[in-house]
Amino acid sequence: MTNNKITKVTLGKGFTFDCSTKELKENERFIELNRAEREILCYLIQHANSVVKKKQLISAGWTRKEITTTSLFQTIRNLRIKLKEDEIGQIIEMVPRLGYQIKIDILSTSSVHKTIENPERPHKNKRYIIISLCLLLIVCCFSLFYFSQHSKKYLHDIAYDNNMNTFIYLAKEMDDLEFLRDYTKTFVTPIDIENKLFFIAKAGKYYSVAFCDKNEQNTCKITTTKAVTFDHFDLNEFWPILSLTGKANQAITLFDQDNKAPTAAKSFNLFLENGIVSNSIVQYFLQQKDHLNWSFSGLNYRLNTDTNEFVAVAFKGGNFSLSKTSVSPFVAEITVNPEFLYWIQTEKELTKLGISKPGEIEEYFDNVYLSNHTHKSYIVFRQKDIILWFSEELGFYWFNKENMQDSNFSELSTFNQCTDNLGILPNSMCKPL
């Protein structure tokens, strides 16, 4: 329901917005907004009791001007940053497939309307109450069934560009999928990127991107595989720094030279926080317990950028099992049961070694182990010696077993061998690896 009488509201922690003057303040300090940001924020406030469609917001923000939904996504994102949302949806909430709704506290209106209840209003008939409750129960059961089924699928899309790049998008909601596609088109165009394979996903509260250079078979050059996880505040930072990640290739090469082990594999992740990239490598040791079940332990290394030397900082472990999955578009799933995580180095020792302590995102990942919370990961992509996993808690991570003894890994490579729900592997990949 529209309420054009609202004039002044509070938003989040310490923010006020006055629709009559289109001014945003944080504790009496003015926050600069452009025209589209002002109009969209005011329109959301005036329609605070309802979900506002994207087309309505585009009309409100860009009068007599045709723009794409990418501009709207960017404007909403800018507003979230200026309003200092701790997480997406804290103030401006996206309602999947419908639009956006804002959360406000009204300070003043241009007029006050009071509704006086009729004291003689009759009570509802008991029969109607029972019928209403039954209908509500049916709706709730249907909703639970629908969402339990819907949650088993990830929406996905594949796109190509003129520079031989391939983009695979994953998201649970159509709005998220559209945002990932539009955002990539906007930012990848002016950057010199070619012949790469990208996997781009919205994973829980974070964004995650895995990528590699393509080889002659149109799959990945193993030494170029990387996975980056970041939150919505760093969306603008990811594409510009993409060309600067060559140092990460050097890092994994240095690690590979000094840390070969017959039953070990490596996962290599980058974390982008506040425009700064940090990297982490985990060397995993697997022991197969029985068919499709393994125990694992892992040494987590962080790079001393001054000496280009990796230092062991943490030790973690648990067990996992491999199984088929009904979750589209994945090949298989593992159920991971983390059991422990111990820090080898104290924060003081890390500082002395010239190693920065883990940031908020990496700490979030560590807490998955510390809480002993069982979680699932899915095989997204697989070729000889390398597997790309996706987890809603952890995003993308590469699992590299190149030049390692195969006895503990063979079933990971051969399980559900010819399943390729994304349709990006050449036919030869269905031959025994």
Protein backbone atom coordinates (compact mmCIF):
# COMPACT_ATOMS: atom_id res chain seq x y z
CA MET A 1 0.00 0.00 0.00
CA THR A 2 1.33 3.43 -0.95
CA ASN A 3 1.81 5.99 1.80
CA ASN A 4 2.77 9.32 0.24
CA LYS A 5 2.33 11.01 3.65
CA ILE A 6 5.63 9.70 5.03
CA THR A 7 8.19 12.51 5.22
CA LYS A 8 10.98 11.44 7.57
CA VAL A 9 12.24 7.99 8.58
CA THR A 10 15.13 6.29 10.33
CA LEU A 11 17.15 3.65 8.50
CA GLY A 12 19.56 1.15 10.03
CA LYS A 13 21.93 2.50 12.67
CA GLY A 14 21.91 6.29 12.94
CA PHE A 15 20.60 7.19 9.47
CA THR A 16 17.64 9.47 8.70
CA PHE A 17 16.10 10.33 5.35
CA ASP A 18 13.73 13.20 4.69
CA CYS A 19 11.56 12.65 1.62
CA SER A 20 10.56 16.31 1.50
CA THR A 21 14.17 17.45 1.01
CA LYS A 22 15.61 14.13 -0.34
CA GLU A 23 18.45 14.37 2.20
CA LEU A 24 20.19 11.45 3.89
CA LYS A 25 22.00 12.04 7.19
CA GLU A 26 24.12 9.91 9.46
CA ASN A 27 24.01 11.43 12.93
CA GLU A 28 23.43 14.89 11.40
CA ARG A 29 26.22 14.40 8.85
CA PHE A 30 24.97 14.71 5.26
CA ILE A 31 25.55 11.68 2.99
CA GLU A 32 25.85 12.56 -0.68
CA LEU A 33 23.38 10.84 -3.00
CA ASN A 34 23.02 11.14 -6.76
CA ARG A 35 19.63 11.76 -8.34
CA ALA A 36 18.80 8.09 -8.96
CA GLU A 37 19.79 7.12 -5.40
CA ARG A 38 17.60 9.89 -3.93
CA GLU A 39 14.56 9.06 -6.04
CA ILE A 40 14.78 5.30 -5.56
CA LEU A 41 15.28 5.62 -1.79
CA CYS A 42 12.31 7.98 -1.50
CA TYR A 43 10.13 5.75 -3.70
CA LEU A 44 10.95 2.69 -1.57
CA ILE A 45 10.07 4.66 1.59
CA GLN A 46 6.77 5.92 0.17
CA HIS A 47 5.89 2.29 -0.67
CA ALA A 48 7.34 0.79 2.49
CA ASN A 49 4.30 -1.40 3.12
CA SER A 50 4.62 -3.25 -0.17
CA VAL A 51 7.18 -4.86 -2.45
CA VAL A 52 8.24 -2.49 -5.25
CA LYS A 53 8.86 -4.01 -8.67
CA LYS A 54 12.13 -3.35 -10.49
CA LYS A 55 10.31 -1.64 -13.37
CA GLN A 56 8.74 0.82 -10.92
CA LEU A 57 12.11 1.67 -9.41
CA ILE A 58 13.68 2.15 -12.84
CA SER A 59 10.87 4.55 -13.76
CA ALA A 60 11.32 6.43 -10.48
CA GLY A 61 15.10 6.69 -10.71
CA TRP A 62 15.51 7.42 -14.41
CA THR A 63 12.56 9.43 -15.71
CA ARG A 64 12.29 9.44 -19.51
CA LYS A 65 15.53 7.50 -19.84
CA GLU A 66 15.94 3.87 -20.89
CA ILE A 67 18.42 1.94 -18.78
CA THR A 68 19.13 -1.73 -18.04
CA THR A 69 18.53 -3.53 -14.76
CA THR A 70 22.31 -3.40 -14.20
CA SER A 71 22.02 0.33 -13.38
CA LEU A 72 19.30 -0.44 -10.85
CA PHE A 73 21.37 -3.22 -9.24
CA GLN A 74 24.35 -0.86 -8.99
CA THR A 75 22.23 1.93 -7.47
CA ILE A 76 20.72 -0.43 -4.89
CA ARG A 77 24.22 -1.67 -4.08
CA ASN A 78 25.49 1.93 -3.67
CA LEU A 79 22.62 2.68 -1.30
CA ARG A 80 23.39 -0.42 0.75
CA ILE A 81 27.02 0.65 1.06
CA LYS A 82 26.10 4.23 2.04
CA LEU A 83 23.58 2.90 4.58
CA LYS A 84 26.33 0.60 5.92
CA GLU A 85 24.34 -2.63 5.71
CA ASP A 86 26.14 -5.33 7.69
CA GLU A 87 24.66 -7.88 5.30
CA ILE A 88 22.56 -7.70 2.14
CA GLY A 89 18.87 -7.18 2.96
CA GLN A 90 19.38 -5.62 6.39
CA ILE A 91 17.70 -2.38 5.22
CA ILE A 92 16.87 -2.83 1.54
CA GLU A 93 15.58 -6.35 1.07
CA MET A 94 15.34 -8.11 -2.29
CA VAL A 95 12.19 -10.23 -2.55
CA PRO A 96 12.99 -12.98 -5.11
CA ARG A 97 11.14 -12.64 -8.43
CA LEU A 98 9.12 -9.68 -7.10
CA GLY A 99 11.30 -6.66 -6.35
CA TYR A 100 12.57 -4.73 -3.32
CA GLN A 101 11.21 -3.65 0.05
CA ILE A 102 12.70 -1.27 2.59
CA LYS A 103 12.74 -1.53 6.39
CA ILE A 104 12.03 1.82 8.09
CA ASP A 105 10.90 3.48 11.31
CA ILE A 106 8.63 6.44 10.65
CA LEU A 107 9.58 9.68 12.42
CA SER A 108 7.03 12.01 10.87
CA THR A 109 4.23 12.23 8.30
CA SER A 110 2.52 15.17 6.63
CA SER A 111 -0.78 14.19 8.20
CA VAL A 112 -1.96 11.67 10.75
CA HIS A 113 -4.81 9.27 10.09
CA LYS A 114 -6.25 7.32 13.00
CA THR A 115 -8.38 4.25 12.61
CA ILE A 116 -11.08 3.92 15.27
CA GLU A 117 -12.21 0.39 15.88
CA ASN A 118 -15.93 -0.23 16.05
CA PRO A 119 -16.55 -1.54 19.57
CA GLU A 120 -19.63 -3.32 18.33
CA ARG A 121 -17.80 -5.25 15.61
CA PRO A 122 -19.10 -8.82 15.84
CA HIS A 123 -16.73 -11.71 16.51
CA LYS A 124 -15.97 -14.00 13.59
CA ASN A 125 -17.99 -17.12 13.37
CA LYS A 126 -16.19 -20.11 14.92
CA ARG A 127 -16.77 -22.12 11.75
CA TYR A 128 -14.99 -19.53 9.61
CA ILE A 129 -12.06 -19.48 12.03
CA ILE A 130 -11.66 -23.27 11.75
CA ILE A 131 -11.88 -23.13 7.94
CA SER A 132 -9.31 -20.32 7.85
CA LEU A 133 -6.94 -22.26 10.07
CA CYS A 134 -7.28 -25.35 7.87
CA LEU A 135 -6.56 -23.32 4.74
CA LEU A 136 -3.55 -21.74 6.43
CA LEU A 137 -2.24 -25.17 7.39
CA ILE A 138 -2.64 -26.39 3.79
CA VAL A 139 -0.81 -23.34 2.45
CA CYS A 140 2.02 -23.83 4.97
CA CYS A 141 2.40 -27.50 4.06
CA PHE A 142 2.42 -26.68 0.35
CA SER A 143 5.00 -23.94 0.91
CA LEU A 144 7.27 -26.24 2.90
CA PHE A 145 7.02 -28.88 0.19
CA TYR A 146 7.65 -26.38 -2.59
CA PHE A 147 10.65 -24.75 -0.96
CA SER A 148 12.16 -28.09 0.07
CA GLN A 149 12.00 -29.16 -3.57
CA HIS A 150 13.01 -25.78 -4.95
CA SER A 151 16.01 -25.55 -2.63
CA LYS A 152 17.44 -28.69 -4.21
CA LYS A 153 18.15 -26.91 -7.46
CA TYR A 154 20.54 -24.15 -8.38
CA LEU A 155 19.59 -21.99 -11.32
CA HIS A 156 22.42 -21.89 -13.81
CA ASP A 157 23.29 -20.29 -17.10
CA ILE A 158 26.22 -20.42 -19.54
CA ALA A 159 27.41 -17.47 -21.61
CA TYR A 160 30.25 -16.87 -24.06
CA ASP A 161 31.89 -13.71 -25.35
CA ASN A 162 33.99 -12.72 -28.36
CA ASN A 163 37.24 -13.15 -26.40
CA MET A 164 36.77 -16.92 -26.03
CA ASN A 165 35.72 -16.58 -22.39
CA THR A 166 33.11 -18.94 -20.94
CA PHE A 167 30.94 -17.90 -17.97
CA ILE A 168 28.93 -20.32 -15.84
CA TYR A 169 26.53 -18.67 -13.36
CA LEU A 170 24.99 -20.33 -10.30
CA ALA A 171 22.35 -18.93 -7.96
CA LYS A 172 19.29 -20.10 -6.06
CA GLU A 173 17.13 -17.13 -7.04
CA MET A 174 16.42 -15.71 -10.50
CA ASP A 175 17.13 -12.14 -9.33
CA ASP A 176 20.58 -13.22 -8.14
CA LEU A 177 21.24 -15.00 -11.44
CA GLU A 178 20.22 -11.94 -13.46
CA PHE A 179 22.39 -9.73 -11.28
CA LEU A 180 25.45 -11.97 -11.79
CA ARG A 181 24.96 -11.97 -15.56
CA ASP A 182 24.36 -8.24 -15.89
CA TYR A 183 27.17 -7.33 -13.51
CA THR A 184 29.68 -9.49 -15.38
CA LYS A 185 28.68 -7.96 -18.72
CA THR A 186 29.16 -4.48 -17.29
CA PHE A 187 32.60 -5.00 -15.77
CA VAL A 188 34.30 -7.62 -17.92
CA THR A 189 33.97 -5.64 -21.16
CA PRO A 190 36.59 -2.94 -20.49
CA ILE A 191 39.13 -5.41 -19.06
CA ASP A 192 41.61 -7.36 -21.15
CA ILE A 193 40.45 -10.90 -20.34
CA GLU A 194 40.49 -13.72 -22.86
CA ASN A 195 40.35 -17.50 -23.14
CA LYS A 196 39.27 -18.08 -19.54
CA LEU A 197 36.68 -20.33 -17.92
CA PHE A 198 34.69 -18.64 -15.14
CA PHE A 199 32.33 -20.06 -12.53
CA ILE A 200 30.42 -17.27 -10.78
CA ALA A 201 28.03 -17.85 -7.89
CA LYS A 202 26.14 -16.29 -5.04
CA ALA A 203 27.04 -18.51 -2.05
CA GLY A 204 25.06 -17.66 1.06
CA LYS A 205 26.11 -14.16 2.14
CA TYR A 206 29.18 -14.10 -0.12
CA TYR A 207 30.02 -14.04 -3.81
CA SER A 208 32.45 -16.62 -5.13
CA VAL A 209 34.30 -16.83 -8.45
CA ALA A 210 36.47 -19.71 -9.68
CA PHE A 211 38.43 -19.37 -12.91
CA CYS A 212 41.31 -20.68 -14.98
CA ASP A 213 43.05 -20.24 -18.32
CA LYS A 214 41.80 -22.64 -20.99
CA ASN A 215 44.10 -25.19 -22.56
CA GLU A 216 43.93 -26.67 -26.06
CA GLN A 217 41.17 -29.06 -24.96
CA ASN A 218 39.08 -26.09 -23.79
CA THR A 219 39.45 -27.17 -20.16
CA CYS A 220 41.69 -25.77 -17.40
CA LYS A 221 45.43 -25.27 -17.25
CA ILE A 222 45.87 -26.64 -13.75
CA THR A 223 48.49 -24.13 -12.61
CA THR A 224 46.15 -21.21 -13.39
CA THR A 225 43.17 -22.32 -11.28
CA LYS A 226 42.03 -19.83 -8.65
CA ALA A 227 38.96 -19.25 -6.50
CA VAL A 228 38.10 -15.89 -4.93
CA THR A 229 35.46 -15.21 -2.27
CA PHE A 230 34.27 -11.73 -1.27
CA ASP A 231 31.20 -9.90 0.05
CA HIS A 232 29.00 -7.37 -1.73
CA PHE A 233 31.15 -4.42 -0.62
CA ASP A 234 33.99 -5.70 -2.85
CA LEU A 235 31.99 -6.42 -6.01
CA ASN A 236 33.50 -3.42 -7.76
CA GLU A 237 37.01 -4.49 -6.78
CA PHE A 238 37.02 -8.01 -8.18
CA TRP A 239 37.22 -7.46 -11.94
CA PRO A 240 39.87 -4.70 -11.86
CA ILE A 241 42.23 -6.84 -9.73
CA LEU A 242 41.74 -9.91 -11.89
CA SER A 243 44.76 -9.10 -14.02
CA LEU A 244 46.89 -8.75 -10.86
CA THR A 245 46.44 -12.33 -9.66
CA GLY A 246 49.49 -13.65 -11.53
CA LYS A 247 51.36 -13.49 -8.24
CA ALA A 248 49.02 -16.17 -6.96
CA ASN A 249 50.18 -18.48 -9.77
CA GLN A 250 53.75 -17.97 -8.65
CA ALA A 251 52.71 -18.70 -5.07
CA ILE A 252 51.13 -22.06 -5.86
CA THR A 253 54.19 -23.00 -7.94
CA LEU A 254 56.49 -22.25 -5.02
CA PHE A 255 54.32 -24.30 -2.73
CA ASP A 256 54.24 -27.20 -5.19
CA GLN A 257 58.03 -27.33 -5.38
CA ASP A 258 58.53 -27.78 -1.64
CA ASN A 259 55.50 -29.70 -0.46
CA LYS A 260 54.94 -32.81 -2.56
CA ALA A 261 53.47 -35.76 -0.66
CA PRO A 262 52.17 -39.06 -2.06
CA THR A 263 48.76 -38.91 -0.38
CA ALA A 264 48.24 -35.16 -0.44
CA ALA A 265 46.18 -32.78 -2.54
CA LYS A 266 45.97 -29.01 -2.49
CA SER A 267 43.14 -26.51 -2.39
CA PHE A 268 44.01 -22.91 -3.18
CA ASN A 269 41.76 -19.99 -2.28
CA LEU A 270 41.92 -16.22 -2.46
CA PHE A 271 39.98 -13.90 -0.18
CA LEU A 272 39.14 -10.34 -1.21
CA GLU A 273 38.35 -8.00 1.68
CA ASN A 274 38.27 -4.21 1.52
CA GLY A 275 40.12 -4.30 -1.81
CA ILE A 276 42.98 -6.42 -0.43
CA VAL A 277 43.68 -9.94 -1.67
CA SER A 278 45.04 -12.60 0.67
CA ASN A 279 45.73 -16.19 -0.24
CA SER A 280 45.58 -19.49 1.59
CA ILE A 281 46.63 -23.00 0.61
CA VAL A 282 45.53 -26.17 2.35
CA GLN A 283 47.48 -29.37 1.84
CA TYR A 284 45.09 -32.28 2.42
CA PHE A 285 46.04 -35.82 3.41
CA LEU A 286 43.35 -38.40 2.70
CA GLN A 287 42.94 -41.92 3.97
CA GLN A 288 40.21 -44.02 2.36
CA LYS A 289 38.23 -45.80 5.10
CA ASP A 290 35.96 -47.82 2.80
CA HIS A 291 34.04 -47.43 -0.47
CA LEU A 292 33.26 -43.70 -0.98
CA ASN A 293 34.31 -42.74 2.57
CA TRP A 294 37.48 -40.92 3.61
CA SER A 295 39.06 -39.36 6.65
CA PHE A 296 41.14 -36.26 6.03
CA SER A 297 43.48 -33.85 7.72
CA GLY A 298 44.76 -30.57 6.33
CA LEU A 299 47.60 -28.15 6.94
CA ASN A 300 46.64 -24.57 6.24
CA TYR A 301 49.50 -22.41 4.89
CA ARG A 302 49.65 -18.65 4.52
CA LEU A 303 52.16 -16.80 2.40
CA ASN A 304 54.81 -14.49 3.80
CA THR A 305 54.82 -12.01 0.91
CA ASP A 306 58.22 -10.62 1.89
CA THR A 307 60.04 -13.95 1.52
CA ASN A 308 57.61 -15.81 -0.82
CA GLU A 309 57.62 -18.58 1.76
CA PHE A 310 54.60 -20.56 2.95
CA VAL A 311 54.18 -21.03 6.69
CA ALA A 312 51.90 -23.60 8.34
CA VAL A 313 49.38 -21.75 10.52
CA ALA A 314 46.54 -24.20 11.25
CA PHE A 315 45.69 -27.90 11.31
CA LYS A 316 42.19 -29.24 10.65
CA GLY A 317 40.49 -32.53 9.91
CA GLY A 318 37.40 -34.71 9.80
CA ASN A 319 35.80 -37.14 7.39
CA PHE A 320 33.62 -37.05 4.30
CA SER A 321 31.52 -39.35 2.12
CA LEU A 322 30.82 -39.20 -1.61
CA SER A 323 27.39 -39.86 -3.13
CA LYS A 324 25.17 -39.12 -6.11
CA THR A 325 23.12 -35.96 -5.97
CA SER A 326 19.70 -34.78 -7.11
CA VAL A 327 20.82 -31.16 -6.77
CA SER A 328 21.05 -29.67 -10.26
CA PRO A 329 23.41 -29.02 -12.04
CA PHE A 330 26.06 -30.81 -9.99
CA VAL A 331 27.85 -34.09 -10.72
CA ALA A 332 28.07 -35.49 -7.19
CA GLU A 333 28.08 -34.39 -3.57
CA ILE A 334 30.17 -34.95 -0.48
CA THR A 335 28.92 -34.72 3.09
CA VAL A 336 31.70 -33.22 5.20
CA ASN A 337 31.90 -33.79 8.95
CA PRO A 338 34.57 -31.42 10.32
CA GLU A 339 35.96 -32.53 13.67
CA PHE A 340 38.72 -30.14 14.66
CA LEU A 341 40.72 -27.01 13.79
CA TYR A 342 43.82 -25.97 15.75
CA TRP A 343 45.98 -22.90 15.25
CA ILE A 344 49.67 -23.69 15.11
CA GLN A 345 50.79 -20.07 15.23
CA THR A 346 49.57 -17.42 17.65
CA GLU A 347 48.55 -13.98 16.40
CA LYS A 348 51.78 -12.57 17.84
CA GLU A 349 53.84 -15.21 16.02
CA LEU A 350 52.02 -14.50 12.74
CA THR A 351 52.86 -10.80 13.07
CA LYS A 352 56.51 -11.65 13.78
CA LEU A 353 56.60 -13.84 10.65
CA GLY A 354 55.15 -11.02 8.54
CA ILE A 355 51.87 -12.85 7.95
CA SER A 356 48.58 -11.00 8.26
CA LYS A 357 45.93 -12.63 10.40
CA PRO A 358 42.83 -14.06 8.67
CA GLY A 359 40.13 -11.57 7.78
CA GLU A 360 36.40 -11.78 8.45
CA ILE A 361 35.62 -14.06 5.50
CA GLU A 362 38.37 -16.55 6.29
CA GLU A 363 37.31 -16.56 9.94
CA TYR A 364 33.77 -17.35 8.77
CA PHE A 365 35.16 -20.36 6.90
CA ASP A 366 37.15 -21.48 9.94
CA ASN A 367 34.03 -21.30 12.09
CA VAL A 368 32.45 -23.99 9.93
CA TYR A 369 35.13 -26.32 11.31
CA LEU A 370 35.13 -24.90 14.83
CA SER A 371 31.37 -25.42 15.13
CA ASN A 372 31.69 -29.04 13.89
CA HIS A 373 28.79 -28.23 11.57
CA THR A 374 28.11 -30.90 8.93
CA HIS A 375 27.84 -29.37 5.47
CA LYS A 376 27.62 -30.48 1.86
CA SER A 377 29.84 -29.67 -1.09
CA TYR A 378 29.15 -30.45 -4.73
CA ILE A 379 31.33 -31.34 -7.71
CA VAL A 380 30.75 -28.61 -10.28
CA PHE A 381 33.53 -29.38 -12.74
CA ARG A 382 36.10 -32.14 -13.03
CA GLN A 383 38.99 -33.05 -15.28
CA LYS A 384 42.07 -35.17 -14.83
CA ASP A 385 43.86 -34.26 -11.58
CA ILE A 386 41.60 -31.39 -10.62
CA ILE A 387 38.10 -30.98 -9.19
CA LEU A 388 36.07 -27.83 -8.58
CA TRP A 389 33.84 -28.03 -5.50
CA PHE A 390 31.05 -25.67 -4.52
CA SER A 391 29.69 -25.22 -1.01
CA GLU A 392 26.99 -22.82 0.10
CA GLU A 393 29.05 -22.14 3.22
CA LEU A 394 32.47 -21.93 1.57
CA GLY A 395 31.83 -20.99 -2.08
CA PHE A 396 34.12 -22.43 -4.76
CA TYR A 397 37.39 -24.20 -4.04
CA TRP A 398 39.72 -26.15 -6.31
CA PHE A 399 40.99 -29.58 -5.31
CA ASN A 400 44.28 -30.27 -7.09
CA LYS A 401 45.82 -33.77 -7.00
CA GLU A 402 48.28 -33.32 -9.85
CA ASN A 403 51.40 -35.52 -9.57
CA MET A 404 50.05 -37.14 -6.43
CA GLN A 405 49.64 -40.84 -5.67
CA ASP A 406 46.19 -41.76 -6.99
CA SER A 407 45.07 -44.58 -4.67
CA ASN A 408 43.15 -42.30 -2.34
CA PHE A 409 41.67 -40.13 -5.08
CA SER A 410 40.70 -42.42 -7.94
CA GLU A 411 37.04 -42.71 -6.94
CA LEU A 412 36.69 -38.94 -6.81
CA SER A 413 37.69 -38.86 -10.48
CA THR A 414 35.73 -41.86 -11.73
CA PHE A 415 32.52 -41.48 -9.71
CA ASN A 416 29.57 -40.67 -12.03
CA GLN A 417 32.18 -40.35 -14.76
CA CYS A 418 30.12 -39.18 -17.72
CA THR A 419 27.78 -36.82 -15.90
CA ASP A 420 28.13 -33.32 -17.35
CA ASN A 421 25.02 -31.31 -16.51
CA LEU A 422 26.64 -28.06 -17.63
CA GLY A 423 27.53 -29.43 -21.08
CA ILE A 424 30.95 -27.79 -21.25
CA LEU A 425 33.24 -30.83 -21.31
CA PRO A 426 34.39 -32.35 -24.60
CA ASN A 427 33.14 -35.88 -25.31
CA SER A 428 36.61 -37.30 -24.71
CA MET A 429 36.25 -36.45 -21.03
CA CYS A 430 33.84 -39.37 -20.65
CA LYS A 431 36.64 -41.83 -21.38
CA PRO A 432 38.46 -43.32 -18.37
CA LEU A 433 40.77 -40.75 -16.80
